[in-house]
PDB file of N, CA and C in Angstrom:
ATOM      1  N   MET A   1     128.750 142.844  54.768  1.00  0.00           N
ATOM      2  CA  MET A   1     127.745 142.323  53.868  1.00  0.00           C
ATOM      3  C   MET A   1     128.267 141.034  53.245  1.00  0.00           C
ATOM      4  N   ALA A   2     127.685 139.938  53.588  1.00  0.00           N
ATOM      5  CA  ALA A   2     128.099 138.641  53.062  1.00  0.00           C
ATOM      6  C   ALA A   2     127.270 138.298  51.831  1.00  0.00           C
ATOM      7  N   ILE A   3     127.943 137.889  50.792  1.00  0.00           N
ATOM      8  CA  ILE A   3     127.264 137.472  49.572  1.00  0.00           C
ATOM      9  C   ILE A   3     127.180 135.950  49.586  1.00  0.00           C
ATOM     10  N   GLU A   4     125.988 135.441  49.321  1.00  0.00           N
ATOM     11  CA  GLU A   4     125.818 133.998  49.246  1.00  0.00           C
ATOM     12  C   GLU A   4     124.811 133.696  48.152  1.00  0.00           C
ATOM     13  N   PHE A   5     125.139 132.741  47.330  1.00  0.00           N
ATOM     14  CA  PHE A   5     124.239 132.338  46.242  1.00  0.00           C
ATOM     15  C   PHE A   5     124.141 130.829  46.228  1.00  0.00           C
ATOM     16  N   MET A   6     122.969 130.323  46.553  1.00  0.00           N
ATOM     17  CA  MET A   6     122.711 128.883  46.571  1.00  0.00           C
ATOM     18  C   MET A   6     123.762 128.133  47.395  1.00  0.00           C
ATOM     19  N   GLY A   7     124.120 128.674  48.536  1.00  0.00           N
ATOM     20  CA  GLY A   7     125.074 128.030  49.420  1.00  0.00           C
ATOM     21  C   GLY A   7     126.530 128.277  49.057  1.00  0.00           C
ATOM     22  N   TYR A   8     126.783 129.034  47.976  1.00  0.00           N
ATOM     23  CA  TYR A   8     128.155 129.331  47.546  1.00  0.00           C
ATOM     24  C   TYR A   8     128.509 130.737  48.005  1.00  0.00           C
ATOM     25  N   LYS A   9     129.661 130.875  48.616  1.00  0.00           N
ATOM     26  CA  LYS A   9     130.124 132.176  49.090  1.00  0.00           C
ATOM     27  C   LYS A   9     131.338 132.586  48.250  1.00  0.00           C
ATOM     28  N   PRO A  10     131.106 133.438  47.241  1.00  0.00           N
ATOM     29  CA  PRO A  10     132.202 133.787  46.334  1.00  0.00           C
ATOM     30  C   PRO A  10     133.381 134.474  47.005  1.00  0.00           C
ATOM     31  N   LEU A  11     133.129 135.301  47.997  1.00  0.00           N
ATOM     32  CA  LEU A  11     134.237 135.995  48.652  1.00  0.00           C
ATOM     33  C   LEU A  11     135.161 135.022  49.380  1.00  0.00           C
ATOM     34  N   GLU A  12     134.638 133.879  49.770  1.00  0.00           N
ATOM     35  CA  GLU A  12     135.446 132.898  50.490  1.00  0.00           C
ATOM     36  C   GLU A  12     136.043 131.832  49.580  1.00  0.00           C
ATOM     37  N   ASN A  13     135.475 131.639  48.396  1.00  0.00           N
ATOM     38  CA  ASN A  13     135.876 130.502  47.564  1.00  0.00           C
ATOM     39  C   ASN A  13     136.481 130.861  46.207  1.00  0.00           C
ATOM     40  N   ASP A  14     136.380 132.120  45.783  1.00  0.00           N
ATOM     41  CA  ASP A  14     136.851 132.460  44.436  1.00  0.00           C
ATOM     42  C   ASP A  14     138.368 132.343  44.274  1.00  0.00           C
ATOM     43  N   TYR A  15     139.108 132.423  45.346  1.00  0.00           N
ATOM     44  CA  TYR A  15     140.559 132.307  45.234  1.00  0.00           C
ATOM     45  C   TYR A  15     140.975 130.935  44.690  1.00  0.00           C
ATOM     46  N   LYS A  16     140.130 129.931  44.839  1.00  0.00           N
ATOM     47  CA  LYS A  16     140.471 128.569  44.410  1.00  0.00           C
ATOM     48  C   LYS A  16     140.667 128.484  42.894  1.00  0.00           C
ATOM     49  N   PHE A  17     139.990 129.364  42.150  1.00  0.00           N
ATOM     50  CA  PHE A  17     140.161 129.396  40.692  1.00  0.00           C
ATOM     51  C   PHE A  17     141.625 129.632  40.331  1.00  0.00           C
ATOM     52  N   TRP A  18     142.278 130.539  41.055  1.00  0.00           N
ATOM     53  CA  TRP A  18     143.664 130.873  40.749  1.00  0.00           C
ATOM     54  C   TRP A  18     144.647 129.784  41.191  1.00  0.00           C
ATOM     55  N   LEU A  19     144.188 128.849  41.990  1.00  0.00           N
ATOM     56  CA  LEU A  19     145.024 127.705  42.326  1.00  0.00           C
ATOM     57  C   LEU A  19     145.106 126.737  41.148  1.00  0.00           C
ATOM     58  N   VAL A  20     144.074 126.720  40.322  1.00  0.00           N
ATOM     59  CA  VAL A  20     144.035 125.842  39.154  1.00  0.00           C
ATOM     60  C   VAL A  20     144.601 126.551  37.927  1.00  0.00           C
ATOM     61  N   VAL A  21     144.164 127.794  37.700  1.00  0.00           N
ATOM     62  CA  VAL A  21     144.601 128.575  36.545  1.00  0.00           C
ATOM     63  C   VAL A  21     145.648 129.571  37.019  1.00  0.00           C
ATOM     64  N   ASN A  22     146.894 129.186  36.953  1.00  0.00           N
ATOM     65  CA  ASN A  22     147.991 130.028  37.419  1.00  0.00           C
ATOM     66  C   ASN A  22     148.376 131.010  36.311  1.00  0.00           C
ATOM     67  N   PRO A  23     148.153 132.316  36.494  1.00  0.00           N
ATOM     68  CA  PRO A  23     148.481 133.285  35.447  1.00  0.00           C
ATOM     69  C   PRO A  23     149.968 133.282  35.079  1.00  0.00           C
ATOM     70  N   ALA A  24     150.828 132.964  36.028  1.00  0.00           N
ATOM     71  CA  ALA A  24     152.260 132.935  35.725  1.00  0.00           C
ATOM     72  C   ALA A  24     152.583 131.867  34.684  1.00  0.00           C
ATOM     73  N   THR A  25     151.758 130.843  34.624  1.00  0.00           N
ATOM     74  CA  THR A  25     151.974 129.763  33.674  1.00  0.00           C
ATOM     75  C   THR A  25     151.176 129.956  32.395  1.00  0.00           C
ATOM     76  N   TRP A  26     149.948 130.422  32.490  1.00  0.00           N
ATOM     77  CA  TRP A  26     149.023 130.396  31.363  1.00  0.00           C
ATOM     78  C   TRP A  26     148.781 131.730  30.678  1.00  0.00           C
ATOM     79  N   LEU A  27     149.250 132.846  31.209  1.00  0.00           N
ATOM     80  CA  LEU A  27     148.957 134.140  30.606  1.00  0.00           C
ATOM     81  C   LEU A  27     149.576 134.277  29.215  1.00  0.00           C
ATOM     82  N   ILE A  28     150.852 134.012  29.079  1.00  0.00           N
ATOM     83  CA  ILE A  28     151.525 134.172  27.786  1.00  0.00           C
ATOM     84  C   ILE A  28     150.989 133.175  26.750  1.00  0.00           C
ATOM     85  N   PRO A  29     150.832 131.878  27.064  1.00  0.00           N
ATOM     86  CA  PRO A  29     150.233 130.977  26.060  1.00  0.00           C
ATOM     87  C   PRO A  29     148.820 131.400  25.653  1.00  0.00           C
ATOM     88  N   THR A  30     148.037 131.938  26.581  1.00  0.00           N
ATOM     89  CA  THR A  30     146.695 132.413  26.239  1.00  0.00           C
ATOM     90  C   THR A  30     146.769 133.603  25.297  1.00  0.00           C
ATOM     91  N   LEU A  31     147.653 134.546  25.578  1.00  0.00           N
ATOM     92  CA  LEU A  31     147.807 135.711  24.707  1.00  0.00           C
ATOM     93  C   LEU A  31     148.296 135.305  23.316  1.00  0.00           C
ATOM     94  N   ILE A  32     149.195 134.343  23.242  1.00  0.00           N
ATOM     95  CA  ILE A  32     149.678 133.856  21.945  1.00  0.00           C
ATOM     96  C   ILE A  32     148.547 133.190  21.172  1.00  0.00           C
ATOM     97  N   ALA A  33     147.734 132.393  21.839  1.00  0.00           N
ATOM     98  CA  ALA A  33     146.611 131.728  21.180  1.00  0.00           C
ATOM     99  C   ALA A  33     145.599 132.753  20.662  1.00  0.00           C
ATOM    100  N   VAL A  34     145.328 133.788  21.438  1.00  0.00           N
ATOM    101  CA  VAL A  34     144.398 134.830  21.005  1.00  0.00           C
ATOM    102  C   VAL A  34     144.972 135.592  19.810  1.00  0.00           C
ATOM    103  N   ALA A  35     146.253 135.911  19.838  1.00  0.00           N
ATOM    104  CA  ALA A  35     146.892 136.623  18.731  1.00  0.00           C
ATOM    105  C   ALA A  35     146.876 135.778  17.455  1.00  0.00           C
ATOM    106  N   LEU A  36     147.181 134.488  17.562  1.00  0.00           N
ATOM    107  CA  LEU A  36     147.157 133.618  16.389  1.00  0.00           C
ATOM    108  C   LEU A  36     145.742 133.481  15.826  1.00  0.00           C
ATOM    109  N   THR A  37     144.750 133.418  16.699  1.00  0.00           N
ATOM    110  CA  THR A  37     143.358 133.359  16.241  1.00  0.00           C
ATOM    111  C   THR A  37     142.989 134.636  15.498  1.00  0.00           C
ATOM    112  N   ALA A  38     143.386 135.785  16.020  1.00  0.00           N
ATOM    113  CA  ALA A  38     143.091 137.058  15.369  1.00  0.00           C
ATOM    114  C   ALA A  38     143.776 137.148  14.007  1.00  0.00           C
ATOM    115  N   ILE A  39     145.023 136.711  13.929  1.00  0.00           N
ATOM    116  CA  ILE A  39     145.738 136.737  12.650  1.00  0.00           C
ATOM    117  C   ILE A  39     145.068 135.809  11.645  1.00  0.00           C
ATOM    118  N   LEU A  40     144.677 134.625  12.077  1.00  0.00           N
ATOM    119  CA  LEU A  40     144.001 133.685  11.190  1.00  0.00           C
ATOM    120  C   LEU A  40     142.684 134.256  10.666  1.00  0.00           C
ATOM    121  N   ILE A  41     141.906 134.878  11.533  1.00  0.00           N
ATOM    122  CA  ILE A  41     140.638 135.476  11.109  1.00  0.00           C
ATOM    123  C   ILE A  41     140.882 136.575  10.081  1.00  0.00           C
ATOM    124  N   HIS A  42     141.894 137.402  10.294  1.00  0.00           N
ATOM    125  CA  HIS A  42     142.178 138.471   9.344  1.00  0.00           C
ATOM    126  C   HIS A  42     142.665 137.926   8.007  1.00  0.00           C
ATOM    127  N   VAL A  43     143.483 136.888   8.027  1.00  0.00           N
ATOM    128  CA  VAL A  43     143.964 136.293   6.773  1.00  0.00           C
ATOM    129  C   VAL A  43     142.787 135.718   5.993  1.00  0.00           C
ATOM    130  N   VAL A  44     141.889 135.024   6.664  1.00  0.00           N
ATOM    131  CA  VAL A  44     140.718 134.456   5.986  1.00  0.00           C
ATOM    132  C   VAL A  44     139.829 135.572   5.446  1.00  0.00           C
ATOM    133  N   ALA A  45     139.615 136.627   6.222  1.00  0.00           N
ATOM    134  CA  ALA A  45     138.769 137.732   5.774  1.00  0.00           C
ATOM    135  C   ALA A  45     139.387 138.437   4.566  1.00  0.00           C
ATOM    136  N   PHE A  46     140.693 138.626   4.563  1.00  0.00           N
ATOM    137  CA  PHE A  46     141.345 139.282   3.430  1.00  0.00           C
ATOM    138  C   PHE A  46     141.362 138.391   2.201  1.00  0.00           C
ATOM    139  N   ASP A  47     141.264 137.099   2.397  1.00  0.00           N
ATOM    140  CA  ASP A  47     141.318 136.164   1.278  1.00  0.00           C
ATOM    141  C   ASP A  47     139.954 135.956   0.603  1.00  0.00           C
ATOM    142  N   LEU A  48     138.880 136.504   1.177  1.00  0.00           N
ATOM    143  CA  LEU A  48     137.561 136.353   0.579  1.00  0.00           C
ATOM    144  C   LEU A  48     137.511 137.038  -0.779  1.00  0.00           C
ATOM    145  N   GLU A  49     136.750 136.477  -1.686  1.00  0.00           N
ATOM    146  CA  GLU A  49     136.629 137.041  -3.034  1.00  0.00           C
ATOM    147  C   GLU A  49     136.004 138.432  -2.958  1.00  0.00           C
ATOM    148  N   GLY A  50     136.618 139.379  -3.630  1.00  0.00           N
ATOM    149  CA  GLY A  50     136.110 140.748  -3.642  1.00  0.00           C
ATOM    150  C   GLY A  50     136.505 141.566  -2.426  1.00  0.00           C
ATOM    151  N   GLN A  51     137.311 141.004  -1.549  1.00  0.00           N
ATOM    152  CA  GLN A  51     137.735 141.708  -0.345  1.00  0.00           C
ATOM    153  C   GLN A  51     139.258 141.675  -0.247  1.00  0.00           C
ATOM    154  N   GLY A  52     139.803 142.586   0.542  1.00  0.00           N
ATOM    155  CA  GLY A  52     141.235 142.558   0.838  1.00  0.00           C
ATOM    156  C   GLY A  52     142.110 142.573  -0.401  1.00  0.00           C
ATOM    157  N   TRP A  53     142.916 141.507  -0.566  1.00  0.00           N
ATOM    158  CA  TRP A  53     143.870 141.447  -1.662  1.00  0.00           C
ATOM    159  C   TRP A  53     143.190 141.309  -3.017  1.00  0.00           C
ATOM    160  N   HIS A  54     141.951 140.809  -3.035  1.00  0.00           N
ATOM    161  CA  HIS A  54     141.233 140.600  -4.289  1.00  0.00           C
ATOM    162  C   HIS A  54     140.275 141.738  -4.601  1.00  0.00           C
ATOM    163  N   ALA A  55     140.306 142.793  -3.836  1.00  0.00           N
ATOM    164  CA  ALA A  55     139.375 143.906  -4.042  1.00  0.00           C
ATOM    165  C   ALA A  55     139.699 144.607  -5.352  1.00  0.00           C
ATOM    166  N   PRO A  56     138.661 145.025  -6.070  1.00  0.00           N
ATOM    167  CA  PRO A  56     138.917 145.753  -7.310  1.00  0.00           C
ATOM    168  C   PRO A  56     139.611 147.085  -7.007  1.00  0.00           C
ATOM    169  N   ALA A  57     140.404 147.526  -7.961  1.00  0.00           N
ATOM    170  CA  ALA A  57     141.124 148.777  -7.765  1.00  0.00           C
ATOM    171  C   ALA A  57     140.126 149.929  -7.728  1.00  0.00           C
ATOM    172  N   ALA A  58     140.446 150.921  -6.933  1.00  0.00           N
ATOM    173  CA  ALA A  58     139.564 152.086  -6.843  1.00  0.00           C
ATOM    174  C   ALA A  58     139.620 152.841  -8.166  1.00  0.00           C
ATOM    175  N   GLU A  59     138.455 153.339  -8.591  1.00  0.00           N
ATOM    176  CA  GLU A  59     138.407 154.080  -9.851  1.00  0.00           C
ATOM    177  C   GLU A  59     139.081 155.436  -9.659  1.00  0.00           C
ATOM    178  N   ALA A  60     139.697 155.877 -10.727  1.00  0.00           N
ATOM    179  CA  ALA A  60     140.370 157.190 -10.672  1.00  0.00           C
ATOM    180  C   ALA A  60     139.298 158.283 -10.560  1.00  0.00           C
ATOM    181  N   VAL A  61     139.559 159.235  -9.697  1.00  0.00           N
ATOM    182  CA  VAL A  61     138.622 160.338  -9.507  1.00  0.00           C
ATOM    183  C   VAL A  61     139.132 161.524 -10.294  1.00  0.00           C
ATOM    184  N   GLU A  62     138.246 162.097 -11.124  1.00  0.00           N
ATOM    185  CA  GLU A  62     138.655 163.272 -11.909  1.00  0.00           C
ATOM    186  C   GLU A  62     138.776 164.473 -10.998  1.00  0.00           C
ATOM    187  N   ALA A  63     139.755 165.279 -11.277  1.00  0.00           N
ATOM    188  CA  ALA A  63     139.968 166.468 -10.468  1.00  0.00           C
ATOM    189  C   ALA A  63     138.843 167.467 -10.737  1.00  0.00           C
ATOM    190  N   ALA A  64     138.417 168.141  -9.720  1.00  0.00           N
ATOM    191  CA  ALA A  64     137.362 169.159  -9.883  1.00  0.00           C
ATOM    192  C   ALA A  64     137.946 170.353 -10.634  1.00  0.00           C
ATOM    193  N   PRO A  65     137.118 170.961 -11.464  1.00  0.00           N
ATOM    194  CA  PRO A  65     137.637 172.133 -12.201  1.00  0.00           C
ATOM    195  C   PRO A  65     138.025 173.256 -11.216  1.00  0.00           C
ATOM    196  N   ALA A  66     139.079 173.925 -11.565  1.00  0.00           N
ATOM    197  CA  ALA A  66     139.587 174.989 -10.696  1.00  0.00           C
ATOM    198  C   ALA A  66     138.618 176.155 -10.687  1.00  0.00           C
ATOM    199  N   ALA A  67     138.424 176.751  -9.534  1.00  0.00           N
ATOM    200  CA  ALA A  67     137.553 177.918  -9.435  1.00  0.00           C
ATOM    201  C   ALA A  67     138.225 179.098 -10.102  1.00  0.00           C
ATOM    202  N   GLN A  68     137.413 179.869 -10.830  1.00  0.00           N
ATOM    203  CA  GLN A  68     137.991 181.015 -11.555  1.00  0.00           C
ATOM    204  C   GLN A  68     137.669 182.300 -10.869  1.00  0.00           C
TER     205      GLN A  68
END
């Protein structure tokens, strides 16, 4: 079963992507960039007013009376 879309044959041509994007070279820098982006997003989210480090302290909960 040959797949063809608008004259493009993915089974015959998709390997060319890996000739340009070599995982041996780009995998670790990509993972580092994703990790730094995630850390930055979390720092910004925690820094929002009323959230994270600025969140109000939880109110003390009174203990329920003991069953007799």
